[in-house]
Amino acid sequence: MNHYAAQWIEDWCAENGWTDLFQERTDYWAFPPNAVMPVPIPTQVLRSIKANQGLCVEEKIWCTAAGLSAIIAASLSYFFATPMPLVAAFAFCAIVVARMEDDDL
């Protein structure tokens, strides 16, 4: 899951003089001021951007889907008098939480 909106990083690059931003897998690379080789955007910078901006759109969608699945599963579980919808919702929510985990820590 992409934890950062590209616009956030582009804005930081523009403010700090970094150019030609590109993404390779989950890493963001750019040319620092007066450099001839791209380097990864520092992890501390990415963490501060994330702390300031909060959740990106993709993360908000996944969190909403997890919440809705739990509510729907609770309703179905009550209506059908079976715990299986709750089990399925729990599995889905566990996957969402695992995907939300930041791998850089």
N, C-alpha and C. Protein backbone atom coordinates (compact mmCIF):
# COMPACT_ATOMS: atom_id res chain seq x y z
N MET A 1 0.85 -1.17 0.00
CA MET A 1 0.00 0.00 0.00
C MET A 1 0.89 1.24 0.00
N ASN A 2 0.50 2.20 -0.78
CA ASN A 2 1.23 3.45 -0.83
C ASN A 2 0.77 4.33 0.34
N HIS A 3 1.68 4.68 1.21
CA HIS A 3 1.33 5.45 2.40
C HIS A 3 1.43 6.96 2.19
N TYR A 4 1.90 7.39 1.03
CA TYR A 4 2.11 8.81 0.79
C TYR A 4 1.44 9.21 -0.52
N ALA A 5 0.82 10.36 -0.54
CA ALA A 5 0.29 10.91 -1.78
C ALA A 5 1.46 11.54 -2.53
N ALA A 6 1.51 11.30 -3.82
CA ALA A 6 2.62 11.81 -4.64
C ALA A 6 2.69 13.33 -4.56
N GLN A 7 1.56 13.99 -4.46
CA GLN A 7 1.53 15.45 -4.40
C GLN A 7 2.25 15.97 -3.16
N TRP A 8 2.13 15.26 -2.03
CA TRP A 8 2.82 15.68 -0.81
C TRP A 8 4.32 15.70 -1.02
N ILE A 9 4.83 14.68 -1.66
CA ILE A 9 6.28 14.58 -1.86
C ILE A 9 6.74 15.56 -2.93
N GLU A 10 5.93 15.74 -3.95
CA GLU A 10 6.26 16.73 -4.97
C GLU A 10 6.33 18.13 -4.37
N ASP A 11 5.41 18.44 -3.49
CA ASP A 11 5.43 19.75 -2.83
C ASP A 11 6.69 19.92 -1.99
N TRP A 12 7.07 18.88 -1.24
CA TRP A 12 8.29 18.96 -0.43
C TRP A 12 9.51 19.14 -1.33
N CYS A 13 9.56 18.41 -2.44
CA CYS A 13 10.69 18.53 -3.36
C CYS A 13 10.78 19.96 -3.93
N ALA A 14 9.63 20.52 -4.30
CA ALA A 14 9.63 21.88 -4.85
C ALA A 14 10.09 22.89 -3.80
N GLU A 15 9.69 22.70 -2.55
CA GLU A 15 10.10 23.63 -1.49
C GLU A 15 11.59 23.55 -1.17
N ASN A 16 12.17 22.37 -1.32
CA ASN A 16 13.55 22.15 -0.92
C ASN A 16 14.53 22.04 -2.08
N GLY A 17 14.09 22.29 -3.30
CA GLY A 17 14.98 22.32 -4.44
C GLY A 17 15.33 20.97 -5.04
N TRP A 18 14.63 19.91 -4.66
CA TRP A 18 14.87 18.60 -5.25
C TRP A 18 14.10 18.53 -6.56
N THR A 19 14.64 17.80 -7.54
CA THR A 19 14.02 17.76 -8.87
C THR A 19 13.85 16.33 -9.34
N ASP A 20 13.04 16.16 -10.37
CA ASP A 20 12.82 14.89 -11.08
C ASP A 20 12.45 13.75 -10.15
N LEU A 21 11.41 13.94 -9.39
CA LEU A 21 10.93 12.91 -8.47
C LEU A 21 10.41 11.71 -9.24
N PHE A 22 10.77 10.51 -8.79
CA PHE A 22 10.19 9.28 -9.33
C PHE A 22 10.10 8.25 -8.22
N GLN A 23 9.24 7.26 -8.44
CA GLN A 23 9.01 6.23 -7.43
C GLN A 23 9.46 4.89 -7.98
N GLU A 24 10.26 4.18 -7.19
CA GLU A 24 10.69 2.83 -7.53
C GLU A 24 10.20 1.91 -6.42
N ARG A 25 9.26 1.05 -6.74
CA ARG A 25 8.57 0.19 -5.77
C ARG A 25 7.93 1.05 -4.70
N THR A 26 8.47 1.03 -3.49
CA THR A 26 7.90 1.86 -2.42
C THR A 26 8.81 3.01 -2.03
N ASP A 27 9.94 3.17 -2.71
CA ASP A 27 10.88 4.25 -2.40
C ASP A 27 10.69 5.41 -3.37
N TYR A 28 10.87 6.62 -2.85
CA TYR A 28 10.81 7.83 -3.67
C TYR A 28 12.24 8.33 -3.86
N TRP A 29 12.58 8.65 -5.10
CA TRP A 29 13.92 9.12 -5.44
C TRP A 29 13.80 10.47 -6.12
N ALA A 30 14.82 11.30 -5.92
CA ALA A 30 14.87 12.60 -6.59
C ALA A 30 16.31 13.09 -6.58
N PHE A 31 16.57 14.11 -7.38
CA PHE A 31 17.88 14.73 -7.43
C PHE A 31 17.93 15.86 -6.40
N PRO A 32 18.83 15.77 -5.41
CA PRO A 32 18.98 16.89 -4.47
C PRO A 32 19.56 18.10 -5.19
N PRO A 33 19.54 19.26 -4.56
CA PRO A 33 20.12 20.45 -5.19
C PRO A 33 21.59 20.23 -5.55
N ASN A 34 21.97 20.60 -6.75
CA ASN A 34 23.33 20.53 -7.27
C ASN A 34 23.88 19.10 -7.30
N ALA A 35 23.04 18.10 -7.48
CA ALA A 35 23.49 16.71 -7.52
C ALA A 35 23.37 16.16 -8.93
N VAL A 36 24.17 15.14 -9.22
CA VAL A 36 24.13 14.50 -10.53
C VAL A 36 23.56 13.09 -10.46
N MET A 37 23.31 12.60 -9.25
CA MET A 37 22.71 11.28 -9.06
C MET A 37 21.49 11.40 -8.17
N PRO A 38 20.41 10.66 -8.51
CA PRO A 38 19.25 10.69 -7.62
C PRO A 38 19.54 9.91 -6.33
N VAL A 39 18.94 10.34 -5.26
CA VAL A 39 19.05 9.65 -3.98
C VAL A 39 17.64 9.47 -3.42
N PRO A 40 17.48 8.48 -2.55
CA PRO A 40 16.15 8.31 -1.95
C PRO A 40 15.79 9.49 -1.05
N ILE A 41 14.50 9.82 -1.04
CA ILE A 41 14.04 10.86 -0.12
C ILE A 41 14.29 10.32 1.29
N PRO A 42 14.90 11.09 2.17
CA PRO A 42 15.22 10.59 3.52
C PRO A 42 13.97 10.12 4.28
N THR A 43 14.13 9.04 5.03
CA THR A 43 13.03 8.47 5.79
C THR A 43 12.45 9.45 6.80
N GLN A 44 13.32 10.25 7.40
CA GLN A 44 12.84 11.23 8.38
C GLN A 44 11.91 12.24 7.71
N VAL A 45 12.23 12.61 6.49
CA VAL A 45 11.39 13.56 5.75
C VAL A 45 10.04 12.93 5.45
N LEU A 46 10.05 11.67 5.01
CA LEU A 46 8.79 10.99 4.71
C LEU A 46 7.93 10.85 5.96
N ARG A 47 8.56 10.56 7.09
CA ARG A 47 7.81 10.45 8.34
C ARG A 47 7.21 11.79 8.75
N SER A 48 7.96 12.87 8.57
CA SER A 48 7.43 14.18 8.95
C SER A 48 6.29 14.60 8.02
N ILE A 49 6.41 14.26 6.72
CA ILE A 49 5.33 14.56 5.78
C ILE A 49 4.08 13.79 6.19
N LYS A 50 4.25 12.52 6.53
CA LYS A 50 3.12 11.68 6.93
C LYS A 50 2.48 12.21 8.22
N ALA A 51 3.31 12.64 9.17
CA ALA A 51 2.79 13.17 10.43
C ALA A 51 1.98 14.45 10.21
N ASN A 52 2.41 15.27 9.27
CA ASN A 52 1.71 16.52 8.99
C ASN A 52 0.44 16.32 8.17
N GLN A 53 0.47 15.39 7.22
CA GLN A 53 -0.63 15.23 6.28
C GLN A 53 -1.69 14.23 6.74
N GLY A 54 -1.32 13.23 7.53
CA GLY A 54 -2.28 12.21 7.96
C GLY A 54 -2.42 11.09 6.96
N LEU A 55 -3.62 10.55 6.85
CA LEU A 55 -3.86 9.44 5.94
C LEU A 55 -4.06 9.93 4.52
N CYS A 56 -3.54 9.16 3.55
CA CYS A 56 -3.78 9.49 2.15
C CYS A 56 -5.13 8.92 1.73
N VAL A 57 -5.57 9.22 0.54
CA VAL A 57 -6.89 8.81 0.06
C VAL A 57 -7.03 7.29 0.06
N GLU A 58 -6.00 6.59 -0.40
CA GLU A 58 -6.05 5.13 -0.45
C GLU A 58 -6.23 4.53 0.95
N GLU A 59 -5.52 5.07 1.92
CA GLU A 59 -5.64 4.58 3.30
C GLU A 59 -7.03 4.87 3.86
N LYS A 60 -7.58 6.03 3.54
CA LYS A 60 -8.92 6.37 4.01
C LYS A 60 -9.96 5.41 3.44
N ILE A 61 -9.80 5.04 2.18
CA ILE A 61 -10.73 4.11 1.55
C ILE A 61 -10.66 2.75 2.23
N TRP A 62 -9.45 2.25 2.48
CA TRP A 62 -9.29 0.95 3.14
C TRP A 62 -9.86 0.98 4.55
N CYS A 63 -9.64 2.05 5.29
CA CYS A 63 -10.18 2.15 6.66
C CYS A 63 -11.70 2.19 6.64
N THR A 64 -12.27 2.91 5.69
CA THR A 64 -13.72 2.97 5.57
C THR A 64 -14.29 1.60 5.21
N ALA A 65 -13.64 0.90 4.29
CA ALA A 65 -14.09 -0.44 3.92
C ALA A 65 -14.04 -1.39 5.10
N ALA A 66 -12.99 -1.30 5.90
CA ALA A 66 -12.88 -2.17 7.08
C ALA A 66 -13.98 -1.86 8.08
N GLY A 67 -14.24 -0.60 8.33
CA GLY A 67 -15.30 -0.22 9.26
C GLY A 67 -16.68 -0.65 8.78
N LEU A 68 -16.94 -0.42 7.49
CA LEU A 68 -18.24 -0.84 6.94
C LEU A 68 -18.41 -2.35 6.97
N SER A 69 -17.34 -3.08 6.70
CA SER A 69 -17.44 -4.55 6.73
C SER A 69 -17.75 -5.04 8.14
N ALA A 70 -17.19 -4.39 9.14
CA ALA A 70 -17.48 -4.79 10.53
C ALA A 70 -18.93 -4.50 10.89
N ILE A 71 -19.45 -3.36 10.47
CA ILE A 71 -20.84 -3.01 10.76
C ILE A 71 -21.81 -3.94 10.04
N ILE A 72 -21.54 -4.19 8.77
CA ILE A 72 -22.40 -5.09 7.99
C ILE A 72 -22.33 -6.51 8.55
N ALA A 73 -21.13 -6.95 8.92
CA ALA A 73 -20.99 -8.29 9.47
C ALA A 73 -21.72 -8.44 10.80
N ALA A 74 -21.67 -7.40 11.62
CA ALA A 74 -22.41 -7.46 12.89
C ALA A 74 -23.91 -7.56 12.64
N SER A 75 -24.40 -6.82 11.68
CA SER A 75 -25.83 -6.87 11.34
C SER A 75 -26.21 -8.24 10.80
N LEU A 76 -25.41 -8.77 9.88
CA LEU A 76 -25.70 -10.09 9.31
C LEU A 76 -25.59 -11.19 10.37
N SER A 77 -24.63 -11.04 11.23
CA SER A 77 -24.45 -12.04 12.29
C SER A 77 -25.67 -12.07 13.22
N TYR A 78 -26.19 -10.92 13.53
CA TYR A 78 -27.38 -10.84 14.38
C TYR A 78 -28.61 -11.40 13.64
N PHE A 79 -28.75 -11.01 12.37
CA PHE A 79 -29.92 -11.40 11.59
C PHE A 79 -29.96 -12.91 11.36
N PHE A 80 -28.82 -13.50 11.01
CA PHE A 80 -28.77 -14.93 10.70
C PHE A 80 -28.39 -15.79 11.92
N ALA A 81 -28.10 -15.16 13.04
CA ALA A 81 -27.75 -15.86 14.28
C ALA A 81 -26.57 -16.81 14.08
N THR A 82 -25.53 -16.31 13.42
CA THR A 82 -24.31 -17.09 13.18
C THR A 82 -23.10 -16.15 13.28
N PRO A 83 -22.00 -16.65 13.79
CA PRO A 83 -20.82 -15.79 13.92
C PRO A 83 -19.96 -15.71 12.66
N MET A 84 -20.31 -16.43 11.61
CA MET A 84 -19.45 -16.49 10.42
C MET A 84 -19.23 -15.13 9.74
N PRO A 85 -20.23 -14.26 9.62
CA PRO A 85 -19.94 -12.94 9.04
C PRO A 85 -18.92 -12.15 9.87
N LEU A 86 -18.98 -12.29 11.18
CA LEU A 86 -18.00 -11.61 12.03
C LEU A 86 -16.60 -12.17 11.82
N VAL A 87 -16.51 -13.47 11.62
CA VAL A 87 -15.21 -14.10 11.36
C VAL A 87 -14.62 -13.58 10.06
N ALA A 88 -15.45 -13.49 9.03
CA ALA A 88 -14.99 -12.97 7.74
C ALA A 88 -14.57 -11.51 7.85
N ALA A 89 -15.36 -10.72 8.58
CA ALA A 89 -15.01 -9.30 8.75
C ALA A 89 -13.73 -9.16 9.55
N PHE A 90 -13.55 -10.00 10.56
CA PHE A 90 -12.31 -9.96 11.34
C PHE A 90 -11.10 -10.26 10.45
N ALA A 91 -11.23 -11.26 9.59
CA ALA A 91 -10.12 -11.60 8.68
C ALA A 91 -9.82 -10.44 7.74
N PHE A 92 -10.87 -9.83 7.19
CA PHE A 92 -10.67 -8.70 6.29
C PHE A 92 -10.01 -7.53 7.02
N CYS A 93 -10.48 -7.22 8.21
CA CYS A 93 -9.92 -6.12 8.99
C CYS A 93 -8.46 -6.40 9.37
N ALA A 94 -8.15 -7.65 9.67
CA ALA A 94 -6.76 -8.01 9.99
C ALA A 94 -5.84 -7.78 8.79
N ILE A 95 -6.33 -8.09 7.60
CA ILE A 95 -5.53 -7.86 6.39
C ILE A 95 -5.34 -6.37 6.17
N VAL A 96 -6.39 -5.59 6.35
CA VAL A 96 -6.29 -4.14 6.18
C VAL A 96 -5.30 -3.54 7.16
N VAL A 97 -5.37 -3.95 8.41
CA VAL A 97 -4.44 -3.43 9.42
C VAL A 97 -3.00 -3.82 9.08
N ALA A 98 -2.80 -5.03 8.60
CA ALA A 98 -1.45 -5.45 8.21
C ALA A 98 -0.93 -4.63 7.03
N ARG A 99 -1.80 -4.31 6.09
CA ARG A 99 -1.39 -3.48 4.94
C ARG A 99 -1.11 -2.03 5.34
N MET A 100 -1.78 -1.57 6.40
CA MET A 100 -1.57 -0.20 6.86
C MET A 100 -0.24 -0.04 7.61
N GLU A 101 0.35 -1.15 8.03
CA GLU A 101 1.60 -1.11 8.79
C GLU A 101 2.70 -0.48 7.93
N ASP A 102 3.45 0.42 8.52
CA ASP A 102 4.55 1.08 7.81
C ASP A 102 5.78 0.18 7.89
N ASP A 103 6.28 -0.23 6.73
CA ASP A 103 7.41 -1.17 6.67
C ASP A 103 8.74 -0.53 7.01
N ASP A 104 8.82 0.80 6.97
CA ASP A 104 10.10 1.48 7.17
C ASP A 104 10.52 1.57 8.63
N LEU A 105 9.60 1.33 9.55
CA LEU A 105 9.94 1.47 10.95
C LEU A 105 10.76 0.30 11.34
